[in-house]
């Protein structure tokens, strides 16, 4: 009988110690003041991403269905937040393009947030 109480109390302690707060997906804040650019213009890329449980990985792209114009994969592993402050100069286009500035951040619990901002690039 004592043995069953000991087993039951051990089980209760184990179960209650495994209760976690609900997980949340990473937060992404993108600061951009315009979406229209011409050849030679500089696209300032200011992004802040965070996750209370720590970031796992992040990707930033400027791409359309056929072409990747810019890509960046910062090392964010286990950081609670990360700020991207970089730029890309529009070049190499001969016709209007309509890519997206895509930011993807994921955490250690398979939570992922994706933000897509439509850009217009003209020669």
C-alpha atoms as a PDB file:
ATOM      1  CA  UNK A   1       0.000   0.000   0.000  1.00  0.00           C
ATOM      2  CA  UNK A   2       2.806   2.404   0.902  1.00  0.00           C
ATOM      3  CA  UNK A   3       4.428   1.510  -2.361  1.00  0.00           C
ATOM      4  CA  UNK A   4       1.352   2.582  -4.388  1.00  0.00           C
ATOM      5  CA  UNK A   5       1.148   5.937  -2.561  1.00  0.00           C
ATOM      6  CA  UNK A   6       4.818   6.541  -3.235  1.00  0.00           C
ATOM      7  CA  UNK A   7       4.362   5.699  -6.905  1.00  0.00           C
ATOM      8  CA  UNK A   8       1.252   7.879  -7.153  1.00  0.00           C
ATOM      9  CA  UNK A   9       2.907  10.863  -5.448  1.00  0.00           C
ATOM     10  CA  UNK A  10       5.982  10.516  -7.673  1.00  0.00           C
ATOM     11  CA  UNK A  11       3.737  10.429 -10.749  1.00  0.00           C
ATOM     12  CA  UNK A  12       1.826  13.539  -9.635  1.00  0.00           C
ATOM     13  CA  UNK A  13       5.054  15.472  -9.046  1.00  0.00           C
ATOM     14  CA  UNK A  14       6.403  14.389 -12.427  1.00  0.00           C
ATOM     15  CA  UNK A  15       3.240  15.399 -14.312  1.00  0.00           C
ATOM     16  CA  UNK A  16       2.874  18.794 -12.631  1.00  0.00           C
ATOM     17  CA  UNK A  17       6.542  19.630 -13.183  1.00  0.00           C
ATOM     18  CA  UNK A  18       6.133  19.126 -16.935  1.00  0.00           C
ATOM     19  CA  UNK A  19       3.457  21.798 -17.362  1.00  0.00           C
ATOM     20  CA  UNK A  20       4.710  24.509 -19.736  1.00  0.00           C
ATOM     21  CA  UNK A  21       3.391  27.889 -20.700  1.00  0.00           C
ATOM     22  CA  UNK A  22       1.830  27.909 -24.171  1.00  0.00           C
ATOM     23  CA  UNK A  23       4.443  28.468 -26.848  1.00  0.00           C
ATOM     24  CA  UNK A  24       4.267  31.539 -29.052  1.00  0.00           C
ATOM     25  CA  UNK A  25       5.633  32.102 -32.534  1.00  0.00           C
ATOM     26  CA  UNK A  26       8.478  34.575 -33.051  1.00  0.00           C
ATOM     27  CA  UNK A  27       7.657  38.262 -33.479  1.00  0.00           C
ATOM     28  CA  UNK A  28       8.924  40.165 -36.535  1.00  0.00           C
ATOM     29  CA  UNK A  29       8.881  43.942 -36.970  1.00  0.00           C
ATOM     30  CA  UNK A  30       9.863  45.288 -40.405  1.00  0.00           C
ATOM     31  CA  UNK A  31      10.527  49.015 -40.757  1.00  0.00           C
ATOM     32  CA  UNK A  32      10.419  50.203 -44.327  1.00  0.00           C
ATOM     33  CA  UNK A  33       9.180  53.567 -45.511  1.00  0.00           C
ATOM     34  CA  UNK A  34       8.579  52.869 -49.198  1.00  0.00           C
ATOM     35  CA  UNK A  35       8.000  49.919 -51.516  1.00  0.00           C
ATOM     36  CA  UNK A  36       8.910  51.517 -54.857  1.00  0.00           C
ATOM     37  CA  UNK A  37      12.523  51.491 -56.054  1.00  0.00           C
ATOM     38  CA  UNK A  38      14.495  52.149 -59.246  1.00  0.00           C
ATOM     39  CA  UNK A  39      17.899  50.895 -60.396  1.00  0.00           C
ATOM     40  CA  UNK A  40      20.546  52.446 -58.170  1.00  0.00           C
ATOM     41  CA  UNK A  41      18.174  52.988 -55.236  1.00  0.00           C
ATOM     42  CA  UNK A  42      19.151  51.559 -51.872  1.00  0.00           C
ATOM     43  CA  UNK A  43      16.653  49.358 -50.074  1.00  0.00           C
ATOM     44  CA  UNK A  44      17.282  49.786 -46.365  1.00  0.00           C
ATOM     45  CA  UNK A  45      16.409  46.551 -44.556  1.00  0.00           C
ATOM     46  CA  UNK A  46      15.632  47.148 -40.866  1.00  0.00           C
ATOM     47  CA  UNK A  47      14.079  44.129 -39.174  1.00  0.00           C
ATOM     48  CA  UNK A  48      13.767  43.121 -35.535  1.00  0.00           C
ATOM     49  CA  UNK A  49      12.816  39.556 -34.637  1.00  0.00           C
ATOM     50  CA  UNK A  50      12.369  38.050 -31.211  1.00  0.00           C
ATOM     51  CA  UNK A  51      11.079  35.011 -29.369  1.00  0.00           C
ATOM     52  CA  UNK A  52      10.732  34.514 -25.634  1.00  0.00           C
ATOM     53  CA  UNK A  53      12.043  30.927 -25.923  1.00  0.00           C
ATOM     54  CA  UNK A  54      14.961  31.923 -28.173  1.00  0.00           C
ATOM     55  CA  UNK A  55      15.241  32.121 -31.939  1.00  0.00           C
ATOM     56  CA  UNK A  56      16.400  29.097 -33.893  1.00  0.00           C
ATOM     57  CA  UNK A  57      16.972  30.418 -37.421  1.00  0.00           C
ATOM     58  CA  UNK A  58      16.103  33.344 -39.668  1.00  0.00           C
ATOM     59  CA  UNK A  59      16.056  34.087 -43.395  1.00  0.00           C
ATOM     60  CA  UNK A  60      15.593  37.333 -45.306  1.00  0.00           C
ATOM     61  CA  UNK A  61      15.011  37.400 -49.057  1.00  0.00           C
ATOM     62  CA  UNK A  62      14.117  39.778 -51.834  1.00  0.00           C
ATOM     63  CA  UNK A  63      12.780  37.434 -54.504  1.00  0.00           C
ATOM     64  CA  UNK A  64      10.038  36.822 -56.989  1.00  0.00           C
ATOM     65  CA  UNK A  65       8.958  33.498 -58.468  1.00  0.00           C
ATOM     66  CA  UNK A  66      11.990  33.265 -60.771  1.00  0.00           C
ATOM     67  CA  UNK A  67      14.826  35.293 -59.229  1.00  0.00           C
ATOM     68  CA  UNK A  68      16.393  35.786 -55.820  1.00  0.00           C
ATOM     69  CA  UNK A  69      17.779  39.327 -55.783  1.00  0.00           C
ATOM     70  CA  UNK A  70      19.015  39.341 -52.182  1.00  0.00           C
ATOM     71  CA  UNK A  71      19.332  36.758 -49.414  1.00  0.00           C
ATOM     72  CA  UNK A  72      20.653  36.856 -45.880  1.00  0.00           C
ATOM     73  CA  UNK A  73      20.676  34.181 -43.168  1.00  0.00           C
ATOM     74  CA  UNK A  74      21.877  35.707 -39.903  1.00  0.00           C
ATOM     75  CA  UNK A  75      23.069  33.460 -37.100  1.00  0.00           C
ATOM     76  CA  UNK A  76      20.376  33.862 -34.442  1.00  0.00           C
ATOM     77  CA  UNK A  77      20.520  30.508 -32.644  1.00  0.00           C
ATOM     78  CA  UNK A  78      19.404  30.802 -28.987  1.00  0.00           C
ATOM     79  CA  UNK A  79      19.217  34.611 -29.095  1.00  0.00           C
ATOM     80  CA  UNK A  80      16.071  36.144 -27.550  1.00  0.00           C
ATOM     81  CA  UNK A  81      16.113  38.904 -30.203  1.00  0.00           C
ATOM     82  CA  UNK A  82      18.075  39.990 -33.239  1.00  0.00           C
ATOM     83  CA  UNK A  83      18.094  43.194 -35.293  1.00  0.00           C
ATOM     84  CA  UNK A  84      18.995  43.271 -38.973  1.00  0.00           C
ATOM     85  CA  UNK A  85      20.347  46.584 -40.236  1.00  0.00           C
ATOM     86  CA  UNK A  86      21.568  46.107 -43.792  1.00  0.00           C
ATOM     87  CA  UNK A  87      20.800  47.261 -47.321  1.00  0.00           C
ATOM     88  CA  UNK A  88      20.618  46.144 -50.930  1.00  0.00           C
ATOM     89  CA  UNK A  89      21.154  48.329 -54.003  1.00  0.00           C
ATOM     90  CA  UNK A  90      18.710  47.633 -56.834  1.00  0.00           C
ATOM     91  CA  UNK A  91      20.659  46.465 -59.900  1.00  0.00           C
ATOM     92  CA  UNK A  92      20.585  44.018 -62.777  1.00  0.00           C
ATOM     93  CA  UNK A  93      16.982  44.491 -63.897  1.00  0.00           C
ATOM     94  CA  UNK A  94      15.820  45.518 -67.369  1.00  0.00           C
ATOM     95  CA  UNK A  95      12.062  45.382 -66.826  1.00  0.00           C
ATOM     96  CA  UNK A  96       9.744  46.038 -63.876  1.00  0.00           C
ATOM     97  CA  UNK A  97       9.892  43.363 -61.163  1.00  0.00           C
ATOM     98  CA  UNK A  98       7.474  42.724 -58.308  1.00  0.00           C
ATOM     99  CA  UNK A  99       9.394  40.715 -55.700  1.00  0.00           C
ATOM    100  CA  UNK A 100       8.622  40.304 -52.030  1.00  0.00           C
ATOM    101  CA  UNK A 101      10.820  41.228 -49.100  1.00  0.00           C
ATOM    102  CA  UNK A 102      10.323  38.001 -47.137  1.00  0.00           C
ATOM    103  CA  UNK A 103      11.391  37.550 -43.529  1.00  0.00           C
ATOM    104  CA  UNK A 104      11.148  34.158 -41.842  1.00  0.00           C
ATOM    105  CA  UNK A 105      11.953  33.538 -38.168  1.00  0.00           C
ATOM    106  CA  UNK A 106      11.580  30.235 -36.344  1.00  0.00           C
ATOM    107  CA  UNK A 107      12.029  29.120 -32.761  1.00  0.00           C
ATOM    108  CA  UNK A 108      13.070  25.843 -31.134  1.00  0.00           C
ATOM    109  CA  UNK A 109       9.481  24.605 -30.843  1.00  0.00           C
ATOM    110  CA  UNK A 110       8.710  24.676 -34.594  1.00  0.00           C
ATOM    111  CA  UNK A 111       6.937  28.021 -34.319  1.00  0.00           C
ATOM    112  CA  UNK A 112       7.502  30.052 -37.459  1.00  0.00           C
ATOM    113  CA  UNK A 113       6.504  33.564 -38.480  1.00  0.00           C
ATOM    114  CA  UNK A 114       6.714  34.816 -42.067  1.00  0.00           C
ATOM    115  CA  UNK A 115       6.235  38.411 -43.207  1.00  0.00           C
ATOM    116  CA  UNK A 116       5.961  39.259 -46.935  1.00  0.00           C
ATOM    117  CA  UNK A 117       6.102  42.849 -48.179  1.00  0.00           C
ATOM    118  CA  UNK A 118       5.489  43.494 -51.886  1.00  0.00           C
ATOM    119  CA  UNK A 119       8.152  45.624 -53.578  1.00  0.00           C
ATOM    120  CA  UNK A 120       8.143  47.282 -56.994  1.00  0.00           C
ATOM    121  CA  UNK A 121      11.511  47.508 -58.790  1.00  0.00           C
ATOM    122  CA  UNK A 122      11.799  49.474 -62.048  1.00  0.00           C
ATOM    123  CA  UNK A 123      14.725  50.087 -64.407  1.00  0.00           C
END
